[in-house]
Amino acid sequence: MSDDILTQAARWRDEGKPVALATVVETWGSAPRPVGSQLAVTAEGAFLGSVSGGCIEGAVIHAAQEVMAEGRPRMLDFGVTNEQAWEVGLACGGKIKVYVERLN
């Protein structure tokens, strides 16, 4: 699936669309997706892949759109001690770090 995500991200980029790639870089405890899981996002909100099985995808997509607009990568950190994690649905008891970068 990772190859499909990267292929689609490259296709969107080649079509001239701004694209960001989110990658799970660290997990702890009961995390929904393993390290290396990816999500490609366009500025229009199209996406492919998953970094959390759905529980934090909305927050990651929003951050990816900000990264595309600002041009600076960002490290996102979600966990049970993070109030935002509960708000977006990461109540699995684990922690997850997601690196989000714009593809040029």
N, C-alpha and C. Protein backbone atom coordinates (compact mmCIF):
# COMPACT_ATOMS: atom_id res chain seq x y z
N MET A 1 0.82 -1.20 0.00
CA MET A 1 0.00 0.00 0.00
C MET A 1 0.87 1.26 0.00
N SER A 2 2.02 1.22 0.68
CA SER A 2 2.90 2.39 0.73
C SER A 2 3.33 2.83 -0.66
N ASP A 3 3.61 1.86 -1.54
CA ASP A 3 3.99 2.20 -2.92
C ASP A 3 2.85 2.92 -3.63
N ASP A 4 1.61 2.47 -3.40
CA ASP A 4 0.45 3.12 -4.00
C ASP A 4 0.32 4.56 -3.52
N ILE A 5 0.57 4.79 -2.24
CA ILE A 5 0.46 6.13 -1.66
C ILE A 5 1.51 7.04 -2.28
N LEU A 6 2.75 6.56 -2.36
CA LEU A 6 3.82 7.36 -2.93
C LEU A 6 3.61 7.60 -4.43
N THR A 7 3.10 6.60 -5.13
CA THR A 7 2.81 6.74 -6.56
C THR A 7 1.73 7.80 -6.78
N GLN A 8 0.67 7.75 -5.97
CA GLN A 8 -0.41 8.73 -6.11
C GLN A 8 0.09 10.12 -5.73
N ALA A 9 0.89 10.23 -4.67
CA ALA A 9 1.43 11.53 -4.26
C ALA A 9 2.26 12.12 -5.40
N ALA A 10 3.09 11.30 -6.03
CA ALA A 10 3.91 11.76 -7.16
C ALA A 10 3.02 12.19 -8.33
N ARG A 11 1.95 11.45 -8.57
CA ARG A 11 1.02 11.78 -9.67
C ARG A 11 0.37 13.14 -9.40
N TRP A 12 -0.11 13.34 -8.16
CA TRP A 12 -0.72 14.63 -7.82
C TRP A 12 0.30 15.76 -8.00
N ARG A 13 1.53 15.54 -7.52
CA ARG A 13 2.59 16.55 -7.64
C ARG A 13 2.87 16.86 -9.11
N ASP A 14 2.96 15.80 -9.93
CA ASP A 14 3.22 15.98 -11.35
C ASP A 14 2.09 16.73 -12.06
N GLU A 15 0.88 16.64 -11.52
CA GLU A 15 -0.27 17.38 -12.06
C GLU A 15 -0.27 18.84 -11.60
N GLY A 16 0.74 19.21 -10.81
CA GLY A 16 0.85 20.58 -10.34
C GLY A 16 0.11 20.88 -9.05
N LYS A 17 -0.38 19.85 -8.39
CA LYS A 17 -1.10 20.04 -7.13
C LYS A 17 -0.12 20.06 -5.96
N PRO A 18 -0.31 20.97 -5.00
CA PRO A 18 0.48 20.90 -3.77
C PRO A 18 0.16 19.59 -3.04
N VAL A 19 1.19 18.92 -2.54
CA VAL A 19 1.00 17.63 -1.86
C VAL A 19 1.85 17.60 -0.60
N ALA A 20 1.28 17.02 0.45
CA ALA A 20 2.02 16.78 1.68
C ALA A 20 1.98 15.29 1.98
N LEU A 21 3.03 14.82 2.63
CA LEU A 21 3.12 13.42 3.02
C LEU A 21 3.29 13.36 4.53
N ALA A 22 2.40 12.61 5.19
CA ALA A 22 2.48 12.39 6.63
C ALA A 22 2.96 10.97 6.85
N THR A 23 3.95 10.81 7.73
CA THR A 23 4.53 9.49 8.00
C THR A 23 4.59 9.26 9.50
N VAL A 24 4.12 8.09 9.94
CA VAL A 24 4.27 7.71 11.35
C VAL A 24 5.74 7.42 11.59
N VAL A 25 6.35 8.17 12.52
CA VAL A 25 7.78 8.00 12.79
C VAL A 25 8.06 7.38 14.15
N GLU A 26 7.06 7.37 15.03
CA GLU A 26 7.26 6.78 16.35
C GLU A 26 5.92 6.39 16.95
N THR A 27 5.88 5.25 17.61
CA THR A 27 4.69 4.83 18.34
C THR A 27 5.10 4.30 19.70
N TRP A 28 4.16 4.29 20.61
CA TRP A 28 4.37 3.72 21.93
C TRP A 28 3.05 3.15 22.40
N GLY A 29 3.10 1.97 22.99
CA GLY A 29 1.88 1.35 23.51
C GLY A 29 0.97 0.89 22.40
N SER A 30 -0.31 1.04 22.63
CA SER A 30 -1.33 0.59 21.69
C SER A 30 -1.57 1.67 20.64
N ALA A 31 -0.77 1.63 19.58
CA ALA A 31 -0.91 2.61 18.50
C ALA A 31 -1.70 1.99 17.35
N PRO A 32 -2.54 2.79 16.70
CA PRO A 32 -3.42 2.26 15.65
C PRO A 32 -2.70 1.81 14.37
N ARG A 33 -1.57 2.42 14.03
CA ARG A 33 -0.84 2.07 12.81
C ARG A 33 0.65 1.99 13.13
N PRO A 34 1.40 1.14 12.44
CA PRO A 34 2.83 0.99 12.72
C PRO A 34 3.68 2.12 12.14
N VAL A 35 4.90 2.22 12.64
CA VAL A 35 5.88 3.15 12.11
C VAL A 35 6.02 2.89 10.61
N GLY A 36 6.09 3.96 9.83
CA GLY A 36 6.20 3.86 8.38
C GLY A 36 4.88 4.03 7.65
N SER A 37 3.77 3.96 8.37
CA SER A 37 2.46 4.18 7.74
C SER A 37 2.40 5.60 7.21
N GLN A 38 1.75 5.78 6.05
CA GLN A 38 1.75 7.09 5.40
C GLN A 38 0.37 7.52 4.94
N LEU A 39 0.24 8.84 4.82
CA LEU A 39 -0.97 9.48 4.33
C LEU A 39 -0.54 10.61 3.41
N ALA A 40 -0.98 10.59 2.15
CA ALA A 40 -0.71 11.67 1.20
C ALA A 40 -1.95 12.54 1.13
N VAL A 41 -1.74 13.87 1.09
CA VAL A 41 -2.84 14.83 1.13
C VAL A 41 -2.59 15.93 0.10
N THR A 42 -3.65 16.35 -0.59
CA THR A 42 -3.54 17.50 -1.49
C THR A 42 -4.11 18.74 -0.77
N ALA A 43 -3.80 19.90 -1.32
CA ALA A 43 -4.31 21.15 -0.75
C ALA A 43 -5.84 21.20 -0.80
N GLU A 44 -6.43 20.50 -1.78
CA GLU A 44 -7.90 20.47 -1.90
C GLU A 44 -8.55 19.51 -0.91
N GLY A 45 -7.74 18.70 -0.22
CA GLY A 45 -8.28 17.78 0.77
C GLY A 45 -8.41 16.35 0.32
N ALA A 46 -8.00 16.03 -0.92
CA ALA A 46 -7.99 14.62 -1.34
C ALA A 46 -6.88 13.93 -0.56
N PHE A 47 -7.09 12.67 -0.22
CA PHE A 47 -6.05 11.95 0.52
C PHE A 47 -6.10 10.46 0.22
N LEU A 48 -4.97 9.82 0.49
CA LEU A 48 -4.84 8.37 0.31
C LEU A 48 -3.92 7.86 1.39
N GLY A 49 -4.29 6.75 2.02
CA GLY A 49 -3.48 6.14 3.06
C GLY A 49 -4.07 6.39 4.44
N SER A 50 -3.29 6.03 5.46
CA SER A 50 -3.76 6.19 6.83
C SER A 50 -2.58 6.21 7.79
N VAL A 51 -2.65 7.09 8.76
CA VAL A 51 -1.64 7.12 9.82
C VAL A 51 -2.21 6.70 11.16
N SER A 52 -3.54 6.48 11.19
CA SER A 52 -4.14 6.16 12.48
C SER A 52 -5.36 5.27 12.42
N GLY A 53 -5.67 4.74 11.28
CA GLY A 53 -6.89 3.95 11.20
C GLY A 53 -8.14 4.80 11.31
N GLY A 54 -7.99 6.11 11.18
CA GLY A 54 -9.14 7.00 11.17
C GLY A 54 -9.27 7.92 12.37
N CYS A 55 -8.65 7.58 13.50
CA CYS A 55 -8.94 8.35 14.72
C CYS A 55 -8.30 9.73 14.76
N ILE A 56 -7.21 9.99 14.07
CA ILE A 56 -6.63 11.33 14.05
C ILE A 56 -6.44 11.86 12.63
N GLU A 57 -6.98 11.17 11.66
CA GLU A 57 -6.78 11.56 10.26
C GLU A 57 -7.19 13.01 10.01
N GLY A 58 -8.31 13.45 10.54
CA GLY A 58 -8.78 14.81 10.30
C GLY A 58 -7.77 15.85 10.77
N ALA A 59 -7.21 15.64 11.95
CA ALA A 59 -6.21 16.57 12.48
C ALA A 59 -4.94 16.55 11.64
N VAL A 60 -4.55 15.37 11.17
CA VAL A 60 -3.35 15.26 10.35
C VAL A 60 -3.57 15.92 8.98
N ILE A 61 -4.73 15.73 8.39
CA ILE A 61 -5.05 16.35 7.10
C ILE A 61 -5.04 17.87 7.25
N HIS A 62 -5.62 18.37 8.33
CA HIS A 62 -5.61 19.82 8.58
C HIS A 62 -4.17 20.33 8.71
N ALA A 63 -3.35 19.64 9.48
CA ALA A 63 -1.95 20.04 9.64
C ALA A 63 -1.20 19.97 8.31
N ALA A 64 -1.49 18.95 7.50
CA ALA A 64 -0.84 18.82 6.19
C ALA A 64 -1.17 20.00 5.30
N GLN A 65 -2.41 20.46 5.35
CA GLN A 65 -2.79 21.62 4.55
C GLN A 65 -2.06 22.88 5.03
N GLU A 66 -1.85 23.00 6.33
CA GLU A 66 -1.07 24.12 6.86
C GLU A 66 0.39 24.03 6.43
N VAL A 67 0.94 22.82 6.46
CA VAL A 67 2.32 22.61 6.03
C VAL A 67 2.48 23.01 4.56
N MET A 68 1.52 22.64 3.72
CA MET A 68 1.60 23.02 2.31
C MET A 68 1.56 24.53 2.15
N ALA A 69 0.73 25.21 2.93
CA ALA A 69 0.60 26.66 2.83
C ALA A 69 1.84 27.37 3.35
N GLU A 70 2.40 26.87 4.45
CA GLU A 70 3.54 27.52 5.09
C GLU A 70 4.87 27.09 4.49
N GLY A 71 4.92 25.87 3.98
CA GLY A 71 6.16 25.35 3.41
C GLY A 71 7.14 24.80 4.43
N ARG A 72 6.74 24.72 5.69
CA ARG A 72 7.63 24.19 6.75
C ARG A 72 7.09 22.87 7.26
N PRO A 73 7.96 21.85 7.39
CA PRO A 73 7.50 20.56 7.92
C PRO A 73 7.12 20.70 9.39
N ARG A 74 6.41 19.71 9.88
CA ARG A 74 5.93 19.75 11.26
C ARG A 74 5.90 18.33 11.84
N MET A 75 6.22 18.22 13.12
CA MET A 75 6.09 16.96 13.84
C MET A 75 4.84 17.05 14.71
N LEU A 76 3.93 16.11 14.51
CA LEU A 76 2.70 16.07 15.31
C LEU A 76 2.84 14.98 16.35
N ASP A 77 2.34 15.23 17.54
CA ASP A 77 2.47 14.29 18.66
C ASP A 77 1.10 14.10 19.29
N PHE A 78 0.59 12.87 19.24
CA PHE A 78 -0.71 12.56 19.83
C PHE A 78 -0.54 11.46 20.86
N GLY A 79 -1.27 11.57 21.95
CA GLY A 79 -1.21 10.53 22.98
C GLY A 79 -2.32 10.72 23.99
N VAL A 80 -2.44 9.79 24.90
CA VAL A 80 -3.53 9.84 25.86
C VAL A 80 -3.39 10.98 26.84
N THR A 81 -2.19 11.53 27.00
CA THR A 81 -2.02 12.67 27.89
C THR A 81 -2.23 13.98 27.16
N ASN A 82 -2.42 13.92 25.88
CA ASN A 82 -2.60 15.10 25.06
C ASN A 82 -4.10 15.33 24.89
N GLU A 83 -4.62 16.47 25.39
CA GLU A 83 -6.06 16.72 25.32
C GLU A 83 -6.58 16.67 23.89
N GLN A 84 -5.78 17.15 22.93
CA GLN A 84 -6.20 17.11 21.54
C GLN A 84 -6.40 15.68 21.07
N ALA A 85 -5.57 14.75 21.56
CA ALA A 85 -5.72 13.36 21.15
C ALA A 85 -7.10 12.83 21.51
N TRP A 86 -7.60 13.18 22.69
CA TRP A 86 -8.94 12.75 23.07
C TRP A 86 -9.98 13.42 22.20
N GLU A 87 -9.76 14.70 21.88
CA GLU A 87 -10.71 15.42 21.05
C GLU A 87 -10.83 14.80 19.67
N VAL A 88 -9.70 14.33 19.10
CA VAL A 88 -9.74 13.78 17.75
C VAL A 88 -9.94 12.28 17.75
N GLY A 89 -9.98 11.64 18.93
CA GLY A 89 -10.34 10.24 18.98
C GLY A 89 -9.24 9.25 19.26
N LEU A 90 -8.02 9.68 19.64
CA LEU A 90 -6.95 8.73 19.93
C LEU A 90 -7.04 8.31 21.39
N ALA A 91 -7.97 7.44 21.68
CA ALA A 91 -8.19 6.98 23.05
C ALA A 91 -7.71 5.54 23.21
N CYS A 92 -6.82 5.08 22.34
CA CYS A 92 -6.38 3.69 22.35
C CYS A 92 -5.36 3.40 23.44
N GLY A 93 -4.87 4.42 24.12
CA GLY A 93 -3.92 4.21 25.19
C GLY A 93 -2.47 4.33 24.75
N GLY A 94 -2.23 4.66 23.50
CA GLY A 94 -0.87 4.75 23.00
C GLY A 94 -0.47 6.17 22.66
N LYS A 95 0.71 6.28 22.05
CA LYS A 95 1.21 7.55 21.56
C LYS A 95 1.65 7.36 20.12
N ILE A 96 1.56 8.43 19.36
CA ILE A 96 1.97 8.37 17.96
C ILE A 96 2.58 9.72 17.58
N LYS A 97 3.70 9.67 16.87
CA LYS A 97 4.31 10.86 16.31
C LYS A 97 4.25 10.75 14.80
N VAL A 98 3.82 11.84 14.17
CA VAL A 98 3.64 11.87 12.71
C VAL A 98 4.41 13.06 12.15
N TYR A 99 5.30 12.79 11.21
CA TYR A 99 6.07 13.84 10.54
C TYR A 99 5.33 14.21 9.27
N VAL A 100 5.09 15.50 9.09
CA VAL A 100 4.34 15.98 7.92
C VAL A 100 5.25 16.92 7.14
N GLU A 101 5.41 16.63 5.83
CA GLU A 101 6.26 17.44 4.97
C GLU A 101 5.60 17.68 3.63
N ARG A 102 5.93 18.81 3.05
CA ARG A 102 5.42 19.13 1.71
C ARG A 102 6.32 18.47 0.69
N LEU A 103 5.74 17.89 -0.35
CA LEU A 103 6.51 17.32 -1.44
C LEU A 103 6.70 18.38 -2.51
N ASN A 104 7.91 18.62 -2.91
CA ASN A 104 8.18 19.64 -3.93
C ASN A 104 8.40 19.00 -5.27
